[in-house]
Amino acid sequence: MAAQSIVITGSTRGIGRGLAAEFLKRGHLVTISGRTQAAVDEAVAALAPLAVGGARVVGATCDVAADAAVRRLWDTAADAFGRVDVWINNAGLSHPRQRIGELRAADIHVVAETNLLGMMLGTQVALAGMRQQTGGGTIWNMEGFGSNGMTTPGMSLYGASKFALTYFNKALLAETRGEAVKVCWLSPGIVVTDLMKRDMGSASGPEIARTRRIYDILADRVETVTPWLAEQVLRPHKAGDRVAWLTNGKAFRRFAGSLFRKRKVLSDADLAAG
């Protein structure tokens, strides 16, 4: 497979960093981003030794809620590698569990700006750039809790940002029908990241035990999920394709299997980190 140029927003840690590592191991050209130069420099230094077969990694600071910063991220990748074949809007934030009447204004702004505005700006910049290059490209928007309309107490803000992503992707698919630029969904399932640990840390009382039971059944580690996700992203796709790690069938089998075999995904260290 010819090397592809891949941009991943929010990729100095978590799923984004895991994806960057897997693409480099497969010989591709990767542009990562994060909010601070220190985080970007650390990630590039750690990821670079993983590159094989001519693969390379570059990085740029990027506040995905700032249009100019997102455009600079595109330019960083295009200047380094000549084009962008794949753009993954991965950057996302959660917040401590808060009921609707308790939501803090700061959380409302930062979650909406990162998860929704950041995804929209990233899509807009990638779409414009890919329309100007031969062969177009593929934009992947990252699903999360709430994308399918599911609700749970304390998660209204995060869930709303992901439900809005679903609508945005559907509208975009209608507007770009027949184009060389493809828009797709990427669904990593429930993954042990800093966001999850923070969510666990904000739960209280019986909610902690219940949430941990669910996560131990359905969650996975970054190093388990990202190799599979990377392989799927690199395959040819049609507009509107959805790559999902945790399918309904897999979730059902895990719940059924939990009656006979206990999975333990979250460690005590994970819980303490939250």
C-alpha atoms as a PDB file:
ATOM      1  CA  MET A   1       0.000   0.000   0.000  1.00  0.00           C
ATOM      2  CA  ALA A   2       1.321   3.441  -0.935  1.00  0.00           C
ATOM      3  CA  ALA A   3       2.062   5.728   1.988  1.00  0.00           C
ATOM      4  CA  GLN A   4      -0.834   7.976   2.905  1.00  0.00           C
ATOM      5  CA  SER A   5      -0.636  11.375   4.575  1.00  0.00           C
ATOM      6  CA  ILE A   6      -2.807  11.308   7.695  1.00  0.00           C
ATOM      7  CA  VAL A   7      -3.738  14.167  10.033  1.00  0.00           C
ATOM      8  CA  ILE A   8      -5.096  13.382  13.507  1.00  0.00           C
ATOM      9  CA  THR A   9      -6.384  16.158  15.737  1.00  0.00           C
ATOM     10  CA  GLY A  10      -5.943  15.782  19.487  1.00  0.00           C
ATOM     11  CA  SER A  11      -3.237  13.168  19.092  1.00  0.00           C
ATOM     12  CA  THR A  12      -0.635  13.773  21.788  1.00  0.00           C
ATOM     13  CA  ARG A  13      -2.355  11.201  24.022  1.00  0.00           C
ATOM     14  CA  GLY A  14      -5.134   8.636  24.150  1.00  0.00           C
ATOM     15  CA  ILE A  15      -6.784   7.214  21.049  1.00  0.00           C
ATOM     16  CA  GLY A  16      -5.286   9.837  18.758  1.00  0.00           C
ATOM     17  CA  ARG A  17      -1.747   9.023  19.824  1.00  0.00           C
ATOM     18  CA  GLY A  18      -2.478   5.310  19.590  1.00  0.00           C
ATOM     19  CA  LEU A  19      -3.705   5.743  16.020  1.00  0.00           C
ATOM     20  CA  ALA A  20      -0.637   7.797  15.116  1.00  0.00           C
ATOM     21  CA  ALA A  21       1.623   5.006  16.395  1.00  0.00           C
ATOM     22  CA  GLU A  22      -0.219   2.362  14.389  1.00  0.00           C
ATOM     23  CA  PHE A  23      -0.124   4.364  11.154  1.00  0.00           C
ATOM     24  CA  LEU A  24       3.625   4.916  11.545  1.00  0.00           C
ATOM     25  CA  LYS A  25       4.166   1.197  12.137  1.00  0.00           C
ATOM     26  CA  ARG A  26       2.441   0.623   8.798  1.00  0.00           C
ATOM     27  CA  GLY A  27       4.643   3.034   6.868  1.00  0.00           C
ATOM     28  CA  HIS A  28       2.448   6.118   6.629  1.00  0.00           C
ATOM     29  CA  LEU A  29       3.032   9.854   6.981  1.00  0.00           C
ATOM     30  CA  VAL A  30       1.444  11.271  10.110  1.00  0.00           C
ATOM     31  CA  THR A  31       0.738  14.782  11.359  1.00  0.00           C
ATOM     32  CA  ILE A  32      -0.227  15.005  15.022  1.00  0.00           C
ATOM     33  CA  SER A  33      -1.520  17.954  17.011  1.00  0.00           C
ATOM     34  CA  GLY A  34      -2.079  19.087  20.559  1.00  0.00           C
ATOM     35  CA  ARG A  35      -2.782  22.224  22.531  1.00  0.00           C
ATOM     36  CA  THR A  36       0.775  22.892  23.730  1.00  0.00           C
ATOM     37  CA  GLN A  37       4.165  22.812  22.048  1.00  0.00           C
ATOM     38  CA  ALA A  38       5.591  20.761  24.907  1.00  0.00           C
ATOM     39  CA  ALA A  39       2.960  18.041  24.436  1.00  0.00           C
ATOM     40  CA  VAL A  40       3.511  17.992  20.667  1.00  0.00           C
ATOM     41  CA  ASP A  41       7.296  17.810  21.006  1.00  0.00           C
ATOM     42  CA  GLU A  42       7.080  14.957  23.523  1.00  0.00           C
ATOM     43  CA  ALA A  43       4.689  12.973  21.351  1.00  0.00           C
ATOM     44  CA  VAL A  44       6.716  13.444  18.166  1.00  0.00           C
ATOM     45  CA  ALA A  45       9.888  12.330  19.954  1.00  0.00           C
ATOM     46  CA  ALA A  46       8.171   9.213  21.324  1.00  0.00           C
ATOM     47  CA  LEU A  47       6.425   8.316  18.075  1.00  0.00           C
ATOM     48  CA  ALA A  48       9.274   8.887  15.616  1.00  0.00           C
ATOM     49  CA  PRO A  49      11.163   5.651  16.474  1.00  0.00           C
ATOM     50  CA  LEU A  50       8.049   3.655  15.535  1.00  0.00           C
ATOM     51  CA  ALA A  51       8.169   4.771  11.900  1.00  0.00           C
ATOM     52  CA  VAL A  52       9.049   2.137   9.310  1.00  0.00           C
ATOM     53  CA  GLY A  53       9.423   2.029   5.540  1.00  0.00           C
ATOM     54  CA  GLY A  54       9.822   5.753   4.984  1.00  0.00           C
ATOM     55  CA  ALA A  55       7.117   6.778   7.440  1.00  0.00           C
ATOM     56  CA  ARG A  56       7.516  10.138   9.173  1.00  0.00           C
ATOM     57  CA  VAL A  57       5.759  12.118  11.861  1.00  0.00           C
ATOM     58  CA  VAL A  58       5.464  15.877  12.247  1.00  0.00           C
ATOM     59  CA  GLY A  59       3.449  17.863  14.750  1.00  0.00           C
ATOM     60  CA  ALA A  60       1.803  21.232  15.254  1.00  0.00           C
ATOM     61  CA  THR A  61       0.052  23.003  18.082  1.00  0.00           C
ATOM     62  CA  CYS A  62      -3.627  23.398  17.351  1.00  0.00           C
ATOM     63  CA  ASP A  63      -6.627  24.708  19.247  1.00  0.00           C
ATOM     64  CA  VAL A  64      -9.290  23.032  17.118  1.00  0.00           C
ATOM     65  CA  ALA A  65     -11.808  25.732  18.051  1.00  0.00           C
ATOM     66  CA  ALA A  66      -9.656  28.367  16.317  1.00  0.00           C
ATOM     67  CA  ASP A  67     -10.066  28.533  12.559  1.00  0.00           C
ATOM     68  CA  ALA A  68      -6.563  29.894  11.907  1.00  0.00           C
ATOM     69  CA  ALA A  69      -4.959  27.158  14.006  1.00  0.00           C
ATOM     70  CA  VAL A  70      -6.799  24.424  12.126  1.00  0.00           C
ATOM     71  CA  ARG A  71      -5.714  25.922   8.823  1.00  0.00           C
ATOM     72  CA  ARG A  72      -2.114  25.963  10.045  1.00  0.00           C
ATOM     73  CA  LEU A  73      -2.450  22.271  10.896  1.00  0.00           C
ATOM     74  CA  TRP A  74      -3.503  21.523   7.318  1.00  0.00           C
ATOM     75  CA  ASP A  75      -0.600  23.614   6.005  1.00  0.00           C
ATOM     76  CA  THR A  76       1.855  21.772   8.272  1.00  0.00           C
ATOM     77  CA  ALA A  77       0.820  18.423   6.798  1.00  0.00           C
ATOM     78  CA  ALA A  78       0.603  19.673   3.215  1.00  0.00           C
ATOM     79  CA  ASP A  79       4.016  21.364   3.422  1.00  0.00           C
ATOM     80  CA  ALA A  80       5.639  18.277   4.939  1.00  0.00           C
ATOM     81  CA  PHE A  81       4.023  15.596   2.786  1.00  0.00           C
ATOM     82  CA  GLY A  82       2.532  17.342  -0.246  1.00  0.00           C
ATOM     83  CA  ARG A  83      -1.097  16.462   0.453  1.00  0.00           C
ATOM     84  CA  VAL A  84      -3.537  15.093   3.054  1.00  0.00           C
ATOM     85  CA  ASP A  85      -5.246  11.805   2.217  1.00  0.00           C
ATOM     86  CA  VAL A  86      -6.944  11.172   5.563  1.00  0.00           C
ATOM     87  CA  TRP A  87      -8.118  13.691   8.167  1.00  0.00           C
ATOM     88  CA  ILE A  88      -9.354  12.334  11.518  1.00  0.00           C
ATOM     89  CA  ASN A  89     -11.282  14.703  13.782  1.00  0.00           C
ATOM     90  CA  ASN A  90     -10.369  12.992  17.033  1.00  0.00           C
ATOM     91  CA  ALA A  91      -9.947  15.938  19.432  1.00  0.00           C
ATOM     92  CA  GLY A  92     -12.555  15.785  22.167  1.00  0.00           C
ATOM     93  CA  LEU A  93     -13.193  16.694  25.783  1.00  0.00           C
ATOM     94  CA  SER A  94     -15.513  15.438  28.466  1.00  0.00           C
ATOM     95  CA  HIS A  95     -16.387  16.992  31.811  1.00  0.00           C
ATOM     96  CA  PRO A  96     -17.151  15.902  35.365  1.00  0.00           C
ATOM     97  CA  ARG A  97     -20.626  14.382  35.506  1.00  0.00           C
ATOM     98  CA  GLN A  98     -23.074  17.231  36.110  1.00  0.00           C
ATOM     99  CA  ARG A  99     -26.851  17.297  35.931  1.00  0.00           C
ATOM    100  CA  ILE A 100     -28.243  19.866  33.508  1.00  0.00           C
ATOM    101  CA  GLY A 101     -29.065  22.418  36.193  1.00  0.00           C
ATOM    102  CA  GLU A 102     -25.532  22.134  37.595  1.00  0.00           C
ATOM    103  CA  LEU A 103     -23.548  22.524  34.388  1.00  0.00           C
ATOM    104  CA  ARG A 104     -20.725  25.015  34.729  1.00  0.00           C
ATOM    105  CA  ALA A 105     -20.530  27.705  32.052  1.00  0.00           C
ATOM    106  CA  ALA A 106     -16.835  27.001  31.492  1.00  0.00           C
ATOM    107  CA  ASP A 107     -17.546  23.322  30.783  1.00  0.00           C
ATOM    108  CA  ILE A 108     -20.381  24.180  28.405  1.00  0.00           C
ATOM    109  CA  HIS A 109     -18.061  26.398  26.385  1.00  0.00           C
ATOM    110  CA  VAL A 110     -14.987  24.181  26.260  1.00  0.00           C
ATOM    111  CA  VAL A 111     -16.826  20.924  25.500  1.00  0.00           C
ATOM    112  CA  ALA A 112     -19.023  22.456  22.814  1.00  0.00           C
ATOM    113  CA  GLU A 113     -16.132  24.366  21.275  1.00  0.00           C
ATOM    114  CA  THR A 114     -13.821  21.341  21.147  1.00  0.00           C
ATOM    115  CA  ASN A 115     -16.200  18.493  20.339  1.00  0.00           C
ATOM    116  CA  LEU A 116     -18.568  20.285  17.985  1.00  0.00           C
ATOM    117  CA  LEU A 117     -17.032  23.524  16.727  1.00  0.00           C
ATOM    118  CA  GLY A 118     -13.608  21.892  16.471  1.00  0.00           C
ATOM    119  CA  MET A 119     -15.013  18.993  14.476  1.00  0.00           C
ATOM    120  CA  MET A 120     -16.873  21.377  12.156  1.00  0.00           C
ATOM    121  CA  LEU A 121     -13.836  23.576  11.557  1.00  0.00           C
ATOM    122  CA  GLY A 122     -11.622  20.551  10.973  1.00  0.00           C
ATOM    123  CA  THR A 123     -14.119  19.146   8.498  1.00  0.00           C
ATOM    124  CA  GLN A 124     -14.432  22.472   6.701  1.00  0.00           C
ATOM    125  CA  VAL A 125     -10.676  22.936   6.359  1.00  0.00           C
ATOM    126  CA  ALA A 126     -10.081  19.345   5.272  1.00  0.00           C
ATOM    127  CA  LEU A 127     -12.952  19.427   2.796  1.00  0.00           C
ATOM    128  CA  ALA A 128     -11.676  22.631   1.186  1.00  0.00           C
ATOM    129  CA  GLY A 129      -8.134  21.324   0.960  1.00  0.00           C
ATOM    130  CA  MET A 130      -9.078  17.881  -0.342  1.00  0.00           C
ATOM    131  CA  ARG A 131     -11.289  19.393  -3.030  1.00  0.00           C
ATOM    132  CA  GLN A 132      -8.198  21.102  -4.429  1.00  0.00           C
ATOM    133  CA  GLN A 133      -6.055  17.968  -4.687  1.00  0.00           C
ATOM    134  CA  THR A 134      -6.196  15.098  -7.133  1.00  0.00           C
ATOM    135  CA  GLY A 135      -8.116  12.119  -5.766  1.00  0.00           C
ATOM    136  CA  GLY A 136      -9.844  13.974  -2.944  1.00  0.00           C
ATOM    137  CA  GLY A 137      -9.481  12.264   0.425  1.00  0.00           C
ATOM    138  CA  THR A 138     -11.399  10.915   3.401  1.00  0.00           C
ATOM    139  CA  ILE A 139     -12.600  12.748   6.518  1.00  0.00           C
ATOM    140  CA  TRP A 140     -13.338  10.667   9.614  1.00  0.00           C
ATOM    141  CA  ASN A 141     -15.444  12.172  12.393  1.00  0.00           C
ATOM    142  CA  MET A 142     -15.177  10.452  15.753  1.00  0.00           C
ATOM    143  CA  GLU A 143     -18.331   9.187  17.424  1.00  0.00           C
ATOM    144  CA  GLY A 144     -18.796   8.930  21.172  1.00  0.00           C
ATOM    145  CA  PHE A 145     -21.405   8.481  23.857  1.00  0.00           C
ATOM    146  CA  GLY A 146     -24.621  10.104  22.675  1.00  0.00           C
ATOM    147  CA  SER A 147     -24.013   9.707  18.945  1.00  0.00           C
ATOM    148  CA  ASN A 148     -26.969   7.329  18.711  1.00  0.00           C
ATOM    149  CA  GLY A 149     -29.208   9.387  21.008  1.00  0.00           C
ATOM    150  CA  MET A 150     -28.514   7.350  24.143  1.00  0.00           C
ATOM    151  CA  THR A 151     -28.734   9.345  27.377  1.00  0.00           C
ATOM    152  CA  THR A 152     -27.483   8.930  30.923  1.00  0.00           C
ATOM    153  CA  PRO A 153     -27.644  11.315  33.899  1.00  0.00           C
ATOM    154  CA  GLY A 154     -24.765  13.776  34.027  1.00  0.00           C
ATOM    155  CA  MET A 155     -23.698  13.310  30.404  1.00  0.00           C
ATOM    156  CA  SER A 156     -26.084  15.696  28.646  1.00  0.00           C
ATOM    157  CA  LEU A 157     -23.397  18.100  27.474  1.00  0.00           C
ATOM    158  CA  TYR A 158     -20.948  15.560  26.071  1.00  0.00           C
ATOM    159  CA  GLY A 159     -23.763  13.464  24.610  1.00  0.00           C
ATOM    160  CA  ALA A 160     -25.330  16.478  22.918  1.00  0.00           C
ATOM    161  CA  SER A 161     -22.030  17.330  21.229  1.00  0.00           C
ATOM    162  CA  LYS A 162     -21.779  13.814  19.788  1.00  0.00           C
ATOM    163  CA  PHE A 163     -25.457  13.650  18.768  1.00  0.00           C
ATOM    164  CA  ALA A 164     -24.934  16.910  16.890  1.00  0.00           C
ATOM    165  CA  LEU A 165     -21.958  15.296  15.130  1.00  0.00           C
ATOM    166  CA  THR A 166     -24.299  12.607  13.808  1.00  0.00           C
ATOM    167  CA  TYR A 167     -26.622  15.216  12.305  1.00  0.00           C
ATOM    168  CA  PHE A 168     -23.710  17.198  10.885  1.00  0.00           C
ATOM    169  CA  ASN A 169     -22.236  14.143   9.182  1.00  0.00           C
ATOM    170  CA  LYS A 170     -25.590  13.195   7.657  1.00  0.00           C
ATOM    171  CA  ALA A 171     -26.102  16.718   6.325  1.00  0.00           C
ATOM    172  CA  LEU A 172     -22.561  16.805   4.968  1.00  0.00           C
ATOM    173  CA  LEU A 173     -23.015  13.489   3.194  1.00  0.00           C
ATOM    174  CA  ALA A 174     -26.042  14.879   1.380  1.00  0.00           C
ATOM    175  CA  GLU A 175     -24.136  18.014   0.376  1.00  0.00           C
ATOM    176  CA  THR A 176     -21.041  16.161  -0.896  1.00  0.00           C
ATOM    177  CA  ARG A 177     -22.769  13.292  -2.708  1.00  0.00           C
ATOM    178  CA  GLY A 178     -20.753  12.205  -5.730  1.00  0.00           C
ATOM    179  CA  GLU A 179     -17.597  14.124  -4.745  1.00  0.00           C
ATOM    180  CA  ALA A 180     -14.091  12.715  -4.487  1.00  0.00           C
ATOM    181  CA  VAL A 181     -13.985  13.704  -0.813  1.00  0.00           C
ATOM    182  CA  LYS A 182     -15.600  11.067   1.393  1.00  0.00           C
ATOM    183  CA  VAL A 183     -17.027  11.684   4.866  1.00  0.00           C
ATOM    184  CA  CYS A 184     -17.169   8.718   7.262  1.00  0.00           C
ATOM    185  CA  TRP A 185     -17.749   7.800  10.906  1.00  0.00           C
ATOM    186  CA  LEU A 186     -15.139   6.318  13.235  1.00  0.00           C
ATOM    187  CA  SER A 187     -16.446   4.720  16.424  1.00  0.00           C
ATOM    188  CA  PRO A 188     -13.800   3.473  18.888  1.00  0.00           C
ATOM    189  CA  GLY A 189     -16.271   2.240  21.483  1.00  0.00           C
ATOM    190  CA  ILE A 190     -15.468   2.651  25.178  1.00  0.00           C
ATOM    191  CA  VAL A 191     -11.730   3.089  25.604  1.00  0.00           C
ATOM    192  CA  VAL A 192      -9.684   3.639  28.767  1.00  0.00           C
ATOM    193  CA  THR A 193      -8.385   7.175  28.291  1.00  0.00           C
ATOM    194  CA  ASP A 194      -7.945  10.224  30.486  1.00  0.00           C
ATOM    195  CA  LEU A 195     -11.530  11.184  29.596  1.00  0.00           C
ATOM    196  CA  MET A 196     -12.870   7.914  30.966  1.00  0.00           C
ATOM    197  CA  LYS A 197     -10.762   8.140  34.114  1.00  0.00           C
ATOM    198  CA  ARG A 198     -12.051  11.664  34.696  1.00  0.00           C
ATOM    199  CA  ASP A 199     -15.597  10.418  34.217  1.00  0.00           C
ATOM    200  CA  MET A 200     -15.054   7.687  36.795  1.00  0.00           C
ATOM    201  CA  GLY A 201     -13.518  10.192  39.175  1.00  0.00           C
ATOM    202  CA  SER A 202     -16.616  12.397  38.981  1.00  0.00           C
ATOM    203  CA  ALA A 203     -19.059   9.560  39.678  1.00  0.00           C
ATOM    204  CA  SER A 204     -20.224   9.039  43.234  1.00  0.00           C
ATOM    205  CA  GLY A 205     -21.792   6.418  45.502  1.00  0.00           C
ATOM    206  CA  PRO A 206     -23.567   3.496  43.811  1.00  0.00           C
ATOM    207  CA  GLU A 207     -22.917   5.142  40.454  1.00  0.00           C
ATOM    208  CA  ILE A 208     -19.206   4.315  40.738  1.00  0.00           C
ATOM    209  CA  ALA A 209     -19.787   0.585  41.176  1.00  0.00           C
ATOM    210  CA  ARG A 210     -22.371   0.454  38.400  1.00  0.00           C
ATOM    211  CA  THR A 211     -20.201   2.438  35.981  1.00  0.00           C
ATOM    212  CA  ARG A 212     -17.171   0.287  36.735  1.00  0.00           C
ATOM    213  CA  ARG A 213     -19.162  -2.907  36.100  1.00  0.00           C
ATOM    214  CA  ILE A 214     -20.284  -1.592  32.716  1.00  0.00           C
ATOM    215  CA  TYR A 215     -16.794  -0.460  31.762  1.00  0.00           C
ATOM    216  CA  ASP A 216     -15.246  -3.779  32.794  1.00  0.00           C
ATOM    217  CA  ILE A 217     -17.679  -5.508  30.439  1.00  0.00           C
ATOM    218  CA  LEU A 218     -17.554  -3.145  27.461  1.00  0.00           C
ATOM    219  CA  ALA A 219     -14.343  -1.108  27.645  1.00  0.00           C
ATOM    220  CA  ASP A 220     -10.956  -1.812  26.078  1.00  0.00           C
ATOM    221  CA  ARG A 221      -7.443  -0.384  26.282  1.00  0.00           C
ATOM    222  CA  VAL A 222      -6.030   1.981  23.664  1.00  0.00           C
ATOM    223  CA  GLU A 223      -3.455  -0.615  22.610  1.00  0.00           C
ATOM    224  CA  THR A 224      -6.235  -3.131  21.937  1.00  0.00           C
ATOM    225  CA  VAL A 225      -8.494  -0.903  19.859  1.00  0.00           C
ATOM    226  CA  THR A 226      -6.178   1.299  17.807  1.00  0.00           C
ATOM    227  CA  PRO A 227      -4.419  -1.397  15.715  1.00  0.00           C
ATOM    228  CA  TRP A 228      -7.804  -2.584  14.436  1.00  0.00           C
ATOM    229  CA  LEU A 229      -9.093   0.935  13.859  1.00  0.00           C
ATOM    230  CA  ALA A 230      -5.968   1.899  11.923  1.00  0.00           C
ATOM    231  CA  GLU A 231      -6.252  -1.145   9.663  1.00  0.00           C
ATOM    232  CA  GLN A 232      -9.886  -0.319   8.921  1.00  0.00           C
ATOM    233  CA  VAL A 233      -9.219   3.360   8.188  1.00  0.00           C
ATOM    234  CA  LEU A 234      -6.520   2.415   5.674  1.00  0.00           C
ATOM    235  CA  ARG A 235      -8.908   0.263   3.647  1.00  0.00           C
ATOM    236  CA  PRO A 236     -10.840   1.706   0.678  1.00  0.00           C
ATOM    237  CA  HIS A 237     -14.157   3.232   1.773  1.00  0.00           C
ATOM    238  CA  LYS A 238     -17.325   4.699   0.378  1.00  0.00           C
ATOM    239  CA  ALA A 239     -18.803   7.951   1.621  1.00  0.00           C
ATOM    240  CA  GLY A 240     -20.893   7.338   4.723  1.00  0.00           C
ATOM    241  CA  ASP A 241     -19.041   4.215   5.847  1.00  0.00           C
ATOM    242  CA  ARG A 242     -18.899   3.614   9.583  1.00  0.00           C
ATOM    243  CA  VAL A 243     -16.019   1.790  11.239  1.00  0.00           C
ATOM    244  CA  ALA A 244     -17.112   0.626  14.688  1.00  0.00           C
ATOM    245  CA  TRP A 245     -15.117  -1.397  17.206  1.00  0.00           C
ATOM    246  CA  LEU A 246     -17.912  -2.000  19.718  1.00  0.00           C
ATOM    247  CA  THR A 247     -20.839  -3.211  17.630  1.00  0.00           C
ATOM    248  CA  ASN A 248     -24.232  -4.104  19.076  1.00  0.00           C
ATOM    249  CA  GLY A 249     -23.428  -7.767  18.509  1.00  0.00           C
ATOM    250  CA  LYS A 250     -20.103  -7.545  20.328  1.00  0.00           C
ATOM    251  CA  ALA A 251     -21.722  -5.703  23.238  1.00  0.00           C
ATOM    252  CA  PHE A 252     -24.431  -8.370  23.510  1.00  0.00           C
ATOM    253  CA  ARG A 253     -21.861 -11.171  23.503  1.00  0.00           C
ATOM    254  CA  ARG A 254     -19.835  -9.439  26.200  1.00  0.00           C
ATOM    255  CA  PHE A 255     -22.837  -8.967  28.457  1.00  0.00           C
ATOM    256  CA  ALA A 256     -23.802 -12.585  27.929  1.00  0.00           C
ATOM    257  CA  GLY A 257     -20.251 -13.741  28.577  1.00  0.00           C
ATOM    258  CA  SER A 258     -20.030 -11.656  31.750  1.00  0.00           C
ATOM    259  CA  LEU A 259     -22.365 -14.158  33.406  1.00  0.00           C
ATOM    260  CA  PHE A 260     -19.598 -16.754  33.190  1.00  0.00           C
ATOM    261  CA  ARG A 261     -16.318 -14.845  32.902  1.00  0.00           C
ATOM    262  CA  LYS A 262     -15.357 -11.576  34.517  1.00  0.00           C
ATOM    263  CA  ARG A 263     -13.339  -9.056  32.547  1.00  0.00           C
ATOM    264  CA  LYS A 264     -11.291  -6.491  34.443  1.00  0.00           C
ATOM    265  CA  VAL A 265     -10.270  -3.610  32.216  1.00  0.00           C
ATOM    266  CA  LEU A 266     -10.092  -0.787  34.734  1.00  0.00           C
ATOM    267  CA  SER A 267      -7.261  -1.071  37.232  1.00  0.00           C
ATOM    268  CA  ASP A 268      -7.109   0.545  40.656  1.00  0.00           C
ATOM    269  CA  ALA A 269      -4.477   2.884  39.201  1.00  0.00           C
ATOM    270  CA  ASP A 270      -6.933   3.966  36.505  1.00  0.00           C
ATOM    271  CA  LEU A 271      -9.522   4.789  39.136  1.00  0.00           C
ATOM    272  CA  ALA A 272      -7.001   6.685  41.244  1.00  0.00           C
ATOM    273  CA  ALA A 273      -5.926   8.690  38.213  1.00  0.00           C
ATOM    274  CA  GLY A 274      -9.499   9.876  37.742  1.00  0.00           C
END
